[in-house]
Amino acid sequence: MSAIADTAVGYAAVSLMPPDTAALTTELKINFMARASGERIVARDEVVKAGRTLTLVRTNVFTEAGGTRKLIALLVATIIMLEAKGDFSD
């Protein structure tokens, strides 16, 4: 579940960054609130603040089953923007 949430925050942060940059998680805090059982797991992101170098993103992770959604985890992460150099890319 942590990997799903971390991937989601990374994509949310990258969506606001210029081309030829990469994102790296510098801080991550996750609260597990329920066990992950259901038909699928969904992560929904919100960029709280996009700064010049650091971006703060919050993610809610849900399970879905039978048309109902249950919050199972909450993640807050700080992402740093890195300039691509040479063969380095996201």
N, C-alpha and C. Protein backbone atom coordinates (compact mmCIF):
# COMPACT_ATOMS: atom_id res chain seq x y z
N MET A 1 0.82 -1.18 0.00
CA MET A 1 0.00 0.00 0.00
C MET A 1 0.88 1.25 0.00
N SER A 2 1.99 1.22 0.70
CA SER A 2 2.90 2.38 0.72
C SER A 2 3.44 2.67 -0.67
N ALA A 3 3.76 1.63 -1.41
CA ALA A 3 4.31 1.81 -2.75
C ALA A 3 3.28 2.45 -3.68
N ILE A 4 2.03 2.03 -3.57
CA ILE A 4 0.96 2.61 -4.39
C ILE A 4 0.82 4.09 -4.08
N ALA A 5 0.77 4.43 -2.80
CA ALA A 5 0.61 5.83 -2.39
C ALA A 5 1.82 6.67 -2.78
N ASP A 6 3.03 6.14 -2.61
CA ASP A 6 4.24 6.89 -2.96
C ASP A 6 4.30 7.13 -4.47
N THR A 7 3.94 6.14 -5.25
CA THR A 7 3.90 6.30 -6.71
C THR A 7 2.89 7.37 -7.10
N ALA A 8 1.73 7.35 -6.46
CA ALA A 8 0.68 8.33 -6.77
C ALA A 8 1.15 9.75 -6.46
N VAL A 9 1.80 9.97 -5.31
CA VAL A 9 2.25 11.33 -4.98
C VAL A 9 3.34 11.78 -5.94
N GLY A 10 4.18 10.85 -6.36
CA GLY A 10 5.22 11.20 -7.32
C GLY A 10 4.64 11.69 -8.63
N TYR A 11 3.65 10.98 -9.15
CA TYR A 11 3.02 11.40 -10.41
C TYR A 11 2.27 12.72 -10.25
N ALA A 12 1.65 12.93 -9.11
CA ALA A 12 0.96 14.20 -8.87
C ALA A 12 1.96 15.36 -8.89
N ALA A 13 3.09 15.17 -8.24
CA ALA A 13 4.12 16.23 -8.20
C ALA A 13 4.72 16.46 -9.58
N VAL A 14 5.05 15.40 -10.30
CA VAL A 14 5.66 15.52 -11.62
C VAL A 14 4.73 16.22 -12.60
N SER A 15 3.43 16.06 -12.41
CA SER A 15 2.48 16.69 -13.34
C SER A 15 2.56 18.21 -13.32
N LEU A 16 3.14 18.78 -12.27
CA LEU A 16 3.27 20.24 -12.16
C LEU A 16 4.70 20.73 -12.38
N MET A 17 5.61 19.81 -12.70
CA MET A 17 7.01 20.19 -12.86
C MET A 17 7.35 20.38 -14.34
N PRO A 18 8.38 21.20 -14.62
CA PRO A 18 8.77 21.41 -16.02
C PRO A 18 9.34 20.13 -16.64
N PRO A 19 9.36 20.10 -17.98
CA PRO A 19 9.99 18.95 -18.65
C PRO A 19 11.46 18.84 -18.26
N ASP A 20 12.03 17.70 -18.47
CA ASP A 20 13.44 17.43 -18.16
C ASP A 20 13.77 17.58 -16.68
N THR A 21 12.79 17.29 -15.83
CA THR A 21 13.04 17.23 -14.40
C THR A 21 12.57 15.87 -13.89
N ALA A 22 13.01 15.52 -12.73
CA ALA A 22 12.61 14.26 -12.10
C ALA A 22 12.16 14.56 -10.68
N ALA A 23 11.45 13.63 -10.08
CA ALA A 23 10.94 13.80 -8.73
C ALA A 23 11.53 12.73 -7.81
N LEU A 24 11.78 13.13 -6.57
CA LEU A 24 12.31 12.21 -5.57
C LEU A 24 11.60 12.48 -4.26
N THR A 25 11.09 11.44 -3.62
CA THR A 25 10.43 11.59 -2.32
C THR A 25 11.49 11.87 -1.26
N THR A 26 11.33 12.99 -0.54
CA THR A 26 12.28 13.33 0.52
C THR A 26 11.72 13.04 1.91
N GLU A 27 10.41 13.01 2.02
CA GLU A 27 9.77 12.72 3.31
C GLU A 27 8.43 12.05 3.03
N LEU A 28 8.09 11.07 3.85
CA LEU A 28 6.84 10.34 3.66
C LEU A 28 6.29 9.94 5.02
N LYS A 29 5.03 10.24 5.23
CA LYS A 29 4.33 9.86 6.48
C LYS A 29 3.04 9.19 6.06
N ILE A 30 2.82 7.96 6.51
CA ILE A 30 1.60 7.24 6.15
C ILE A 30 0.90 6.74 7.41
N ASN A 31 -0.41 6.89 7.42
CA ASN A 31 -1.24 6.35 8.50
C ASN A 31 -2.12 5.26 7.90
N PHE A 32 -1.98 4.04 8.41
CA PHE A 32 -2.83 2.93 7.99
C PHE A 32 -4.07 2.93 8.87
N MET A 33 -5.24 2.94 8.26
CA MET A 33 -6.48 3.08 9.02
C MET A 33 -7.36 1.84 8.97
N ALA A 34 -7.16 0.99 7.99
CA ALA A 34 -7.95 -0.24 7.88
C ALA A 34 -7.17 -1.21 7.00
N ARG A 35 -7.55 -2.47 7.07
CA ARG A 35 -6.85 -3.44 6.23
C ARG A 35 -7.34 -3.31 4.79
N ALA A 36 -6.48 -3.66 3.86
CA ALA A 36 -6.80 -3.50 2.44
C ALA A 36 -7.51 -4.74 1.93
N SER A 37 -8.83 -4.70 1.96
CA SER A 37 -9.60 -5.80 1.39
C SER A 37 -10.70 -5.21 0.53
N GLY A 38 -10.84 -5.72 -0.66
CA GLY A 38 -11.84 -5.22 -1.59
C GLY A 38 -11.50 -5.67 -2.99
N GLU A 39 -12.24 -5.14 -3.96
CA GLU A 39 -12.03 -5.53 -5.35
C GLU A 39 -10.86 -4.79 -5.97
N ARG A 40 -10.63 -3.56 -5.55
CA ARG A 40 -9.49 -2.81 -6.06
C ARG A 40 -9.08 -1.73 -5.07
N ILE A 41 -7.84 -1.25 -5.25
CA ILE A 41 -7.28 -0.18 -4.41
C ILE A 41 -7.11 1.05 -5.29
N VAL A 42 -7.54 2.20 -4.79
CA VAL A 42 -7.49 3.45 -5.55
C VAL A 42 -6.80 4.52 -4.70
N ALA A 43 -5.89 5.26 -5.32
CA ALA A 43 -5.22 6.38 -4.64
C ALA A 43 -5.67 7.68 -5.29
N ARG A 44 -6.07 8.65 -4.48
CA ARG A 44 -6.49 9.98 -4.95
C ARG A 44 -5.58 11.02 -4.32
N ASP A 45 -4.98 11.86 -5.17
CA ASP A 45 -3.99 12.83 -4.72
C ASP A 45 -4.52 14.25 -4.72
N GLU A 46 -3.86 15.06 -3.90
CA GLU A 46 -4.09 16.49 -3.90
C GLU A 46 -2.75 17.16 -3.65
N VAL A 47 -2.33 18.01 -4.58
CA VAL A 47 -1.11 18.79 -4.37
C VAL A 47 -1.49 19.93 -3.42
N VAL A 48 -0.94 19.90 -2.24
CA VAL A 48 -1.24 20.91 -1.22
C VAL A 48 -0.51 22.21 -1.53
N LYS A 49 0.78 22.09 -1.90
CA LYS A 49 1.57 23.28 -2.26
C LYS A 49 2.68 22.86 -3.20
N ALA A 50 2.74 23.51 -4.33
CA ALA A 50 3.83 23.28 -5.29
C ALA A 50 4.76 24.48 -5.24
N GLY A 51 5.93 24.28 -4.68
CA GLY A 51 6.91 25.36 -4.59
C GLY A 51 7.92 25.29 -5.72
N ARG A 52 8.95 26.11 -5.62
CA ARG A 52 9.97 26.15 -6.66
C ARG A 52 10.75 24.85 -6.73
N THR A 53 11.07 24.26 -5.57
CA THR A 53 11.81 22.99 -5.54
C THR A 53 11.07 21.87 -4.84
N LEU A 54 10.33 22.20 -3.78
CA LEU A 54 9.62 21.18 -3.01
C LEU A 54 8.12 21.26 -3.26
N THR A 55 7.50 20.08 -3.33
CA THR A 55 6.06 19.97 -3.51
C THR A 55 5.50 19.10 -2.40
N LEU A 56 4.42 19.56 -1.77
CA LEU A 56 3.76 18.81 -0.71
C LEU A 56 2.48 18.20 -1.29
N VAL A 57 2.35 16.88 -1.14
CA VAL A 57 1.21 16.17 -1.71
C VAL A 57 0.56 15.30 -0.64
N ARG A 58 -0.77 15.26 -0.65
CA ARG A 58 -1.54 14.39 0.25
C ARG A 58 -2.27 13.36 -0.60
N THR A 59 -2.28 12.12 -0.15
CA THR A 59 -2.95 11.04 -0.87
C THR A 59 -3.87 10.27 0.07
N ASN A 60 -5.07 10.03 -0.38
CA ASN A 60 -5.99 9.13 0.31
C ASN A 60 -6.02 7.82 -0.48
N VAL A 61 -5.89 6.71 0.22
CA VAL A 61 -5.93 5.40 -0.41
C VAL A 61 -7.22 4.70 0.04
N PHE A 62 -7.98 4.23 -0.94
CA PHE A 62 -9.27 3.60 -0.68
C PHE A 62 -9.28 2.18 -1.22
N THR A 63 -10.16 1.35 -0.65
CA THR A 63 -10.53 0.11 -1.31
C THR A 63 -11.95 0.30 -1.84
N GLU A 64 -12.23 -0.38 -2.92
CA GLU A 64 -13.57 -0.34 -3.50
C GLU A 64 -14.08 -1.76 -3.62
N ALA A 65 -15.32 -1.95 -3.20
CA ALA A 65 -15.98 -3.26 -3.29
C ALA A 65 -17.48 -3.05 -3.29
N GLY A 66 -18.15 -3.66 -4.25
CA GLY A 66 -19.60 -3.59 -4.30
C GLY A 66 -20.15 -2.19 -4.38
N GLY A 67 -19.44 -1.29 -5.04
CA GLY A 67 -19.91 0.08 -5.19
C GLY A 67 -19.65 0.98 -3.99
N THR A 68 -18.99 0.46 -2.96
CA THR A 68 -18.68 1.30 -1.80
C THR A 68 -17.17 1.52 -1.73
N ARG A 69 -16.79 2.65 -1.17
CA ARG A 69 -15.39 3.04 -1.04
C ARG A 69 -15.07 3.20 0.44
N LYS A 70 -13.91 2.65 0.85
CA LYS A 70 -13.49 2.74 2.25
C LYS A 70 -12.08 3.30 2.32
N LEU A 71 -11.88 4.34 3.13
CA LEU A 71 -10.56 4.93 3.31
C LEU A 71 -9.71 3.99 4.16
N ILE A 72 -8.54 3.59 3.62
CA ILE A 72 -7.69 2.65 4.34
C ILE A 72 -6.34 3.24 4.73
N ALA A 73 -5.93 4.32 4.07
CA ALA A 73 -4.64 4.94 4.41
C ALA A 73 -4.62 6.40 3.98
N LEU A 74 -3.83 7.17 4.71
CA LEU A 74 -3.62 8.58 4.40
C LEU A 74 -2.12 8.82 4.38
N LEU A 75 -1.62 9.42 3.31
CA LEU A 75 -0.19 9.65 3.16
C LEU A 75 0.04 11.12 2.87
N VAL A 76 1.07 11.68 3.49
CA VAL A 76 1.54 13.03 3.18
C VAL A 76 3.02 12.90 2.83
N ALA A 77 3.41 13.52 1.70
CA ALA A 77 4.80 13.39 1.26
C ALA A 77 5.32 14.72 0.75
N THR A 78 6.63 14.89 0.90
CA THR A 78 7.33 16.02 0.33
C THR A 78 8.19 15.49 -0.81
N ILE A 79 8.05 16.12 -1.97
CA ILE A 79 8.76 15.69 -3.17
C ILE A 79 9.70 16.81 -3.60
N ILE A 80 10.94 16.46 -3.95
CA ILE A 80 11.89 17.46 -4.44
C ILE A 80 12.05 17.29 -5.94
N MET A 81 12.14 18.43 -6.64
CA MET A 81 12.36 18.42 -8.07
C MET A 81 13.86 18.41 -8.34
N LEU A 82 14.29 17.50 -9.21
CA LEU A 82 15.69 17.41 -9.60
C LEU A 82 15.82 17.71 -11.08
N GLU A 83 16.85 18.44 -11.46
CA GLU A 83 17.10 18.69 -12.87
C GLU A 83 17.77 17.46 -13.48
N ALA A 84 17.29 17.06 -14.63
CA ALA A 84 17.88 15.90 -15.33
C ALA A 84 19.23 16.30 -15.87
N LYS A 85 20.23 15.45 -15.66
CA LYS A 85 21.58 15.70 -16.17
C LYS A 85 22.08 14.42 -16.81
N GLY A 86 22.55 14.52 -18.02
CA GLY A 86 23.09 13.35 -18.72
C GLY A 86 22.00 12.33 -18.98
N ASP A 87 22.25 11.08 -18.56
CA ASP A 87 21.30 9.99 -18.80
C ASP A 87 20.27 9.88 -17.70
N PHE A 88 20.31 10.79 -16.71
CA PHE A 88 19.39 10.74 -15.59
C PHE A 88 17.99 11.15 -16.04
N SER A 89 17.00 10.33 -15.71
CA SER A 89 15.60 10.69 -16.01
C SER A 89 14.71 10.01 -15.00
N ASP A 90 13.44 10.41 -15.00
CA ASP A 90 12.46 9.87 -14.06
C ASP A 90 12.13 8.43 -14.35
